[in-house]
Structures are given as C-alpha cells and as structure tokens.
Amino acid sequence: MPEELHELHEHAEHAKHDPSLAPVTLTMAVLAVLVATVSLLGHRTSTEEVITQNKVTDQWSYYQAKNIRRHSDELFADLTSVIATKDAEAAAKLQEKYRAEADRYRDEQKELDAKAHDLEKEADLAHHKTDRFDLGEVFLEIGLVITSITLLSGRRLFWYLGLLFGGAGILVAVSALFVR
C-alpha cells in the first residue's frame, strides 16, 4: 500500500502542471481508498469463514465421538444379553442402563447434526461473501490501474474505462452485503 500512496503523490505532482488531470488524480485516490476498504472487508469475511469452518469441524468431531460412545453402549448392551451370568437381574439392569445411554446419545446426535448443518450454512454464506469482496477488489484494482494510464497517455478513454471498472467493483462488493 505505501507504494500506491507514493505513486498517487507523484501523480498529484504531475497534475499540478496539467489541471485537466486533477479529476483523474482524485479518481485514483478514491479508488485506492475503496480498494483498501473492500480488501479489509474481504479479509475480515475470510477470517469469519475460517473460524466458522473450524466450528463445523469441531461439531462433526463431537458428533462422531457421540456416535462411537453410542455404538460402544449398544455393543455392551448386546453382550450382556448373550453372556451367561449368575445374576440375571443385575445383567438385565446393566443391559437397560446401556440401552438408555445409547438412546440418549442417539438423541444428542440429532441435535449435533442439526447444529453442524446450520454452521455449514453459515460457512457457505461467509465463503460467498468473501468471493464477492475479492471480485470487487479485483475490479477496483483494475479500475485504479487503467485510470493511472490516463496520466501516462493523456487519453480520457482510460479514465472512463477506469471509472467503469471501479463502478463494477463497487457494485460487486456491495452485493456481498445482500448475500443470504
């Protein structure tokens, strides 16, 4: 970013000698600020996406842990029904205890599954927003570069093209706010 500011300063000095280029220089300054803003928003949204994706992974790991416990309890309950024992009543109580535990884990898994899917939707939403901010940043940077060509060539066509790309970048970046 410091290089861009240095270039803008140089262009501003050049514009002193040719006042007709002042709007071009001002446009470049505005585009540079917009690039920085959209870039920051994109980085923040990307960080949000990574954090949410980690939550998704944690949630599915927790789901898997409950699944393993449920299977272990079901296995133990099944084993108590086929193993010969001296105290059938104690074995029946033990079997009932482990069946109840397995049922509890099954119910908890349903809640964990729903929460994991909700978190996946959040992560997808953040991903789509990040894509929009990144694309908006690209268009703004292209607009800034094309606008700077105006100072080198003196042709207004490049300024208009830069404005067009800058406008597209703004629209794409703002569209990230409407992603649902």
C-alpha atoms as a PDB file:
ATOM      1  CA  MET A   1       0.000   0.000   0.000  1.00  0.00           C
ATOM      2  CA  PRO A   2       2.806   2.551   0.689  1.00  0.00           C
ATOM      3  CA  GLU A   3       3.927   2.192  -2.950  1.00  0.00           C
ATOM      4  CA  GLU A   4       0.446   3.106  -4.153  1.00  0.00           C
ATOM      5  CA  LEU A   5       0.427   6.188  -1.920  1.00  0.00           C
ATOM      6  CA  HIS A   6       3.823   7.204  -3.279  1.00  0.00           C
ATOM      7  CA  GLU A   7       2.542   6.797  -6.839  1.00  0.00           C
ATOM      8  CA  LEU A   8      -0.549   8.850  -6.024  1.00  0.00           C
ATOM      9  CA  HIS A   9       1.677  11.598  -4.647  1.00  0.00           C
ATOM     10  CA  GLU A  10       3.754  11.564  -7.846  1.00  0.00           C
ATOM     11  CA  HIS A  11       0.607  11.722  -9.956  1.00  0.00           C
ATOM     12  CA  ALA A  12      -0.699  14.604  -7.874  1.00  0.00           C
ATOM     13  CA  GLU A  13       2.555  16.493  -8.533  1.00  0.00           C
ATOM     14  CA  HIS A  14       2.150  15.796 -12.239  1.00  0.00           C
ATOM     15  CA  ALA A  15      -1.440  17.033 -12.112  1.00  0.00           C
ATOM     16  CA  LYS A  16      -0.236  20.417 -10.773  1.00  0.00           C
ATOM     17  CA  HIS A  17       1.291  21.058 -14.189  1.00  0.00           C
ATOM     18  CA  ASP A  18      -1.847  19.921 -16.041  1.00  0.00           C
ATOM     19  CA  PRO A  19      -5.020  20.957 -14.146  1.00  0.00           C
ATOM     20  CA  SER A  20      -7.217  18.964 -16.528  1.00  0.00           C
ATOM     21  CA  LEU A  21      -5.813  15.789 -14.942  1.00  0.00           C
ATOM     22  CA  ALA A  22      -6.956  16.757 -11.418  1.00  0.00           C
ATOM     23  CA  PRO A  23     -10.215  14.748 -11.682  1.00  0.00           C
ATOM     24  CA  VAL A  24      -8.189  11.726 -12.798  1.00  0.00           C
ATOM     25  CA  THR A  25      -5.880  12.037  -9.813  1.00  0.00           C
ATOM     26  CA  LEU A  26      -8.840  12.459  -7.474  1.00  0.00           C
ATOM     27  CA  THR A  27     -10.477   9.389  -9.011  1.00  0.00           C
ATOM     28  CA  MET A  28      -7.302   7.409  -8.395  1.00  0.00           C
ATOM     29  CA  ALA A  29      -7.230   8.493  -4.758  1.00  0.00           C
ATOM     30  CA  VAL A  30     -10.876   7.466  -4.268  1.00  0.00           C
ATOM     31  CA  LEU A  31     -10.288   4.123  -5.999  1.00  0.00           C
ATOM     32  CA  ALA A  32      -7.247   3.481  -3.787  1.00  0.00           C
ATOM     33  CA  VAL A  33      -9.328   4.090  -0.654  1.00  0.00           C
ATOM     34  CA  LEU A  34     -12.085   1.829  -1.984  1.00  0.00           C
ATOM     35  CA  VAL A  35      -9.552  -0.914  -2.779  1.00  0.00           C
ATOM     36  CA  ALA A  36      -8.249  -0.740   0.787  1.00  0.00           C
ATOM     37  CA  THR A  37     -11.764  -0.794   2.257  1.00  0.00           C
ATOM     38  CA  VAL A  38     -13.017  -3.693   0.161  1.00  0.00           C
ATOM     39  CA  SER A  39      -9.772  -5.573   0.784  1.00  0.00           C
ATOM     40  CA  LEU A  40     -10.239  -5.171   4.538  1.00  0.00           C
ATOM     41  CA  LEU A  41     -13.847  -6.339   4.350  1.00  0.00           C
ATOM     42  CA  GLY A  42     -12.766  -9.343   2.287  1.00  0.00           C
ATOM     43  CA  HIS A  43     -10.072 -10.288   4.801  1.00  0.00           C
ATOM     44  CA  ARG A  44     -12.465  -9.998   7.720  1.00  0.00           C
ATOM     45  CA  THR A  45     -15.107 -12.079   5.982  1.00  0.00           C
ATOM     46  CA  SER A  46     -12.489 -14.664   5.048  1.00  0.00           C
ATOM     47  CA  THR A  47     -11.400 -14.879   8.690  1.00  0.00           C
ATOM     48  CA  GLU A  48     -15.044 -15.324   9.704  1.00  0.00           C
ATOM     49  CA  GLU A  49     -15.324 -18.136   7.162  1.00  0.00           C
ATOM     50  CA  VAL A  50     -12.263 -19.944   8.556  1.00  0.00           C
ATOM     51  CA  ILE A  51     -13.486 -19.618  12.146  1.00  0.00           C
ATOM     52  CA  THR A  52     -16.932 -20.911  11.218  1.00  0.00           C
ATOM     53  CA  GLN A  53     -15.426 -23.794   9.255  1.00  0.00           C
ATOM     54  CA  ASN A  54     -13.395 -24.738  12.351  1.00  0.00           C
ATOM     55  CA  LYS A  55     -16.614 -24.726  14.372  1.00  0.00           C
ATOM     56  CA  VAL A  56     -18.172 -27.037  11.777  1.00  0.00           C
ATOM     57  CA  THR A  57     -15.233 -29.422  12.060  1.00  0.00           C
ATOM     58  CA  ASP A  58     -15.440 -29.364  15.854  1.00  0.00           C
ATOM     59  CA  GLN A  59     -19.169 -30.015  15.747  1.00  0.00           C
ATOM     60  CA  TRP A  60     -18.769 -33.030  13.441  1.00  0.00           C
ATOM     61  CA  SER A  61     -15.959 -34.355  15.651  1.00  0.00           C
ATOM     62  CA  TYR A  62     -18.239 -34.085  18.662  1.00  0.00           C
ATOM     63  CA  TYR A  63     -20.966 -35.860  16.687  1.00  0.00           C
ATOM     64  CA  GLN A  64     -18.534 -38.658  15.830  1.00  0.00           C
ATOM     65  CA  ALA A  65     -17.477 -39.000  19.476  1.00  0.00           C
ATOM     66  CA  LYS A  66     -21.126 -39.413  20.494  1.00  0.00           C
ATOM     67  CA  ASN A  67     -21.552 -41.955  17.702  1.00  0.00           C
ATOM     68  CA  ILE A  68     -18.625 -44.010  18.985  1.00  0.00           C
ATOM     69  CA  ARG A  69     -19.997 -43.906  22.543  1.00  0.00           C
ATOM     70  CA  ARG A  70     -23.449 -44.948  21.313  1.00  0.00           C
ATOM     71  CA  HIS A  71     -22.007 -47.898  19.411  1.00  0.00           C
ATOM     72  CA  SER A  72     -19.956 -48.954  22.434  1.00  0.00           C
ATOM     73  CA  ASP A  73     -23.023 -48.827  24.682  1.00  0.00           C
ATOM     74  CA  GLU A  74     -25.106 -50.781  22.158  1.00  0.00           C
ATOM     75  CA  LEU A  75     -22.366 -53.380  21.864  1.00  0.00           C
ATOM     76  CA  PHE A  76     -22.093 -53.746  25.627  1.00  0.00           C
ATOM     77  CA  ALA A  77     -25.896 -53.995  25.979  1.00  0.00           C
ATOM     78  CA  ASP A  78     -25.963 -56.691  23.292  1.00  0.00           C
ATOM     79  CA  LEU A  79     -23.149 -58.593  25.002  1.00  0.00           C
ATOM     80  CA  THR A  80     -24.979 -58.590  28.340  1.00  0.00           C
ATOM     81  CA  SER A  81     -27.926 -60.300  26.663  1.00  0.00           C
ATOM     82  CA  VAL A  82     -25.896 -63.256  25.360  1.00  0.00           C
ATOM     83  CA  ILE A  83     -23.377 -63.843  28.139  1.00  0.00           C
ATOM     84  CA  ALA A  84     -24.327 -66.369  30.791  1.00  0.00           C
ATOM     85  CA  THR A  85     -24.363 -64.896  34.289  1.00  0.00           C
ATOM     86  CA  LYS A  86     -25.183 -65.972  37.832  1.00  0.00           C
ATOM     87  CA  ASP A  87     -27.231 -62.814  38.463  1.00  0.00           C
ATOM     88  CA  ALA A  88     -29.707 -62.386  35.610  1.00  0.00           C
ATOM     89  CA  GLU A  89     -31.435 -59.454  37.312  1.00  0.00           C
ATOM     90  CA  ALA A  90     -28.171 -57.471  37.586  1.00  0.00           C
ATOM     91  CA  ALA A  91     -27.356 -58.260  33.963  1.00  0.00           C
ATOM     92  CA  ALA A  92     -30.810 -57.038  32.889  1.00  0.00           C
ATOM     93  CA  LYS A  93     -30.333 -53.789  34.830  1.00  0.00           C
ATOM     94  CA  LEU A  94     -26.916 -53.319  33.256  1.00  0.00           C
ATOM     95  CA  GLN A  95     -28.336 -54.007  29.814  1.00  0.00           C
ATOM     96  CA  GLU A  96     -31.147 -51.495  30.420  1.00  0.00           C
ATOM     97  CA  LYS A  97     -28.631 -48.875  31.626  1.00  0.00           C
ATOM     98  CA  TYR A  98     -26.515 -49.187  28.481  1.00  0.00           C
ATOM     99  CA  ARG A  99     -29.548 -49.186  26.169  1.00  0.00           C
ATOM    100  CA  ALA A 100     -30.741 -45.969  27.844  1.00  0.00           C
ATOM    101  CA  GLU A 101     -27.273 -44.436  27.404  1.00  0.00           C
ATOM    102  CA  ALA A 102     -27.263 -45.425  23.724  1.00  0.00           C
ATOM    103  CA  ASP A 103     -30.711 -43.855  23.255  1.00  0.00           C
ATOM    104  CA  ARG A 104     -29.532 -40.650  24.966  1.00  0.00           C
ATOM    105  CA  TYR A 105     -26.525 -40.448  22.644  1.00  0.00           C
ATOM    106  CA  ARG A 106     -28.798 -41.037  19.631  1.00  0.00           C
ATOM    107  CA  ASP A 107     -30.985 -38.090  20.686  1.00  0.00           C
ATOM    108  CA  GLU A 108     -27.942 -35.885  21.282  1.00  0.00           C
ATOM    109  CA  GLN A 109     -26.619 -36.802  17.851  1.00  0.00           C
ATOM    110  CA  LYS A 110     -29.759 -35.451  16.208  1.00  0.00           C
ATOM    111  CA  GLU A 111     -29.190 -32.060  17.848  1.00  0.00           C
ATOM    112  CA  LEU A 112     -25.494 -32.100  16.962  1.00  0.00           C
ATOM    113  CA  ASP A 113     -26.308 -32.985  13.353  1.00  0.00           C
ATOM    114  CA  ALA A 114     -28.731 -30.068  13.056  1.00  0.00           C
ATOM    115  CA  LYS A 115     -26.238 -27.642  14.615  1.00  0.00           C
ATOM    116  CA  ALA A 116     -23.428 -28.848  12.325  1.00  0.00           C
ATOM    117  CA  HIS A 117     -25.613 -28.321   9.250  1.00  0.00           C
ATOM    118  CA  ASP A 118     -26.525 -24.806  10.431  1.00  0.00           C
ATOM    119  CA  LEU A 119     -22.840 -23.993  10.905  1.00  0.00           C
ATOM    120  CA  GLU A 120     -22.097 -25.351   7.418  1.00  0.00           C
ATOM    121  CA  LYS A 121     -24.677 -22.932   6.002  1.00  0.00           C
ATOM    122  CA  GLU A 122     -23.001 -20.058   7.879  1.00  0.00           C
ATOM    123  CA  ALA A 123     -19.595 -21.066   6.495  1.00  0.00           C
ATOM    124  CA  ASP A 124     -21.004 -21.244   2.952  1.00  0.00           C
ATOM    125  CA  LEU A 125     -22.547 -17.803   3.360  1.00  0.00           C
ATOM    126  CA  ALA A 126     -19.237 -16.347   4.544  1.00  0.00           C
ATOM    127  CA  HIS A 127     -17.500 -18.049   1.611  1.00  0.00           C
ATOM    128  CA  HIS A 128     -19.887 -16.463  -0.905  1.00  0.00           C
ATOM    129  CA  LYS A 129     -19.432 -13.045   0.713  1.00  0.00           C
ATOM    130  CA  THR A 130     -15.651 -13.449   0.610  1.00  0.00           C
ATOM    131  CA  ASP A 131     -15.820 -14.287  -3.090  1.00  0.00           C
ATOM    132  CA  ARG A 132     -17.844 -11.139  -3.776  1.00  0.00           C
ATOM    133  CA  PHE A 133     -15.462  -8.900  -1.831  1.00  0.00           C
ATOM    134  CA  ASP A 134     -12.471 -10.452  -3.588  1.00  0.00           C
ATOM    135  CA  LEU A 135     -14.006  -9.966  -7.024  1.00  0.00           C
ATOM    136  CA  GLY A 136     -14.980  -6.396  -6.136  1.00  0.00           C
ATOM    137  CA  GLU A 137     -11.396  -5.763  -5.054  1.00  0.00           C
ATOM    138  CA  VAL A 138     -10.100  -7.099  -8.376  1.00  0.00           C
ATOM    139  CA  PHE A 139     -12.366  -4.802 -10.377  1.00  0.00           C
ATOM    140  CA  LEU A 140     -11.392  -1.809  -8.232  1.00  0.00           C
ATOM    141  CA  GLU A 141      -7.689  -2.545  -8.672  1.00  0.00           C
ATOM    142  CA  ILE A 142      -8.152  -2.896 -12.428  1.00  0.00           C
ATOM    143  CA  GLY A 143     -10.013   0.423 -12.414  1.00  0.00           C
ATOM    144  CA  LEU A 144      -7.178   2.062 -10.488  1.00  0.00           C
ATOM    145  CA  VAL A 145      -4.537   0.767 -12.892  1.00  0.00           C
ATOM    146  CA  ILE A 146      -6.499   1.728 -16.003  1.00  0.00           C
ATOM    147  CA  THR A 147      -7.197   5.173 -14.573  1.00  0.00           C
ATOM    148  CA  SER A 148      -3.481   5.690 -13.943  1.00  0.00           C
ATOM    149  CA  ILE A 149      -2.821   5.008 -17.631  1.00  0.00           C
ATOM    150  CA  THR A 150      -4.715   8.250 -18.292  1.00  0.00           C
ATOM    151  CA  LEU A 151      -1.881  10.166 -16.624  1.00  0.00           C
ATOM    152  CA  LEU A 152       0.676   8.450 -18.814  1.00  0.00           C
ATOM    153  CA  SER A 153      -1.185   8.647 -22.093  1.00  0.00           C
ATOM    154  CA  GLY A 154      -3.289  11.771 -21.607  1.00  0.00           C
ATOM    155  CA  ARG A 155      -6.262   9.959 -23.178  1.00  0.00           C
ATOM    156  CA  ARG A 156      -9.572  10.331 -21.333  1.00  0.00           C
ATOM    157  CA  LEU A 157     -10.793   6.988 -22.643  1.00  0.00           C
ATOM    158  CA  PHE A 158      -8.688   5.249 -19.977  1.00  0.00           C
ATOM    159  CA  TRP A 159     -10.233   7.399 -17.260  1.00  0.00           C
ATOM    160  CA  TYR A 160     -13.723   6.412 -18.399  1.00  0.00           C
ATOM    161  CA  LEU A 161     -12.733   2.747 -18.546  1.00  0.00           C
ATOM    162  CA  GLY A 162     -11.233   3.049 -15.056  1.00  0.00           C
ATOM    163  CA  LEU A 163     -14.475   4.574 -13.805  1.00  0.00           C
ATOM    164  CA  LEU A 164     -16.411   1.735 -15.410  1.00  0.00           C
ATOM    165  CA  PHE A 165     -14.269  -0.943 -13.751  1.00  0.00           C
ATOM    166  CA  GLY A 166     -14.332   0.959 -10.452  1.00  0.00           C
ATOM    167  CA  GLY A 167     -18.123   1.139 -10.595  1.00  0.00           C
ATOM    168  CA  ALA A 168     -18.314  -2.576 -11.321  1.00  0.00           C
ATOM    169  CA  GLY A 169     -16.035  -3.229  -8.355  1.00  0.00           C
ATOM    170  CA  ILE A 170     -18.233  -1.158  -6.071  1.00  0.00           C
ATOM    171  CA  LEU A 171     -21.395  -2.942  -7.243  1.00  0.00           C
ATOM    172  CA  VAL A 172     -19.877  -6.404  -6.803  1.00  0.00           C
ATOM    173  CA  ALA A 173     -18.505  -5.543  -3.344  1.00  0.00           C
ATOM    174  CA  VAL A 174     -21.816  -4.045  -2.208  1.00  0.00           C
ATOM    175  CA  SER A 175     -23.627  -7.146  -3.475  1.00  0.00           C
ATOM    176  CA  ALA A 176     -21.771  -9.108  -0.768  1.00  0.00           C
ATOM    177  CA  LEU A 177     -23.937  -7.324   1.773  1.00  0.00           C
ATOM    178  CA  PHE A 178     -27.063  -8.789   0.183  1.00  0.00           C
ATOM    179  CA  VAL A 179     -25.884 -12.410   0.037  1.00  0.00           C
ATOM    180  CA  ARG A 180     -28.223 -14.521   2.172  1.00  0.00           C
END
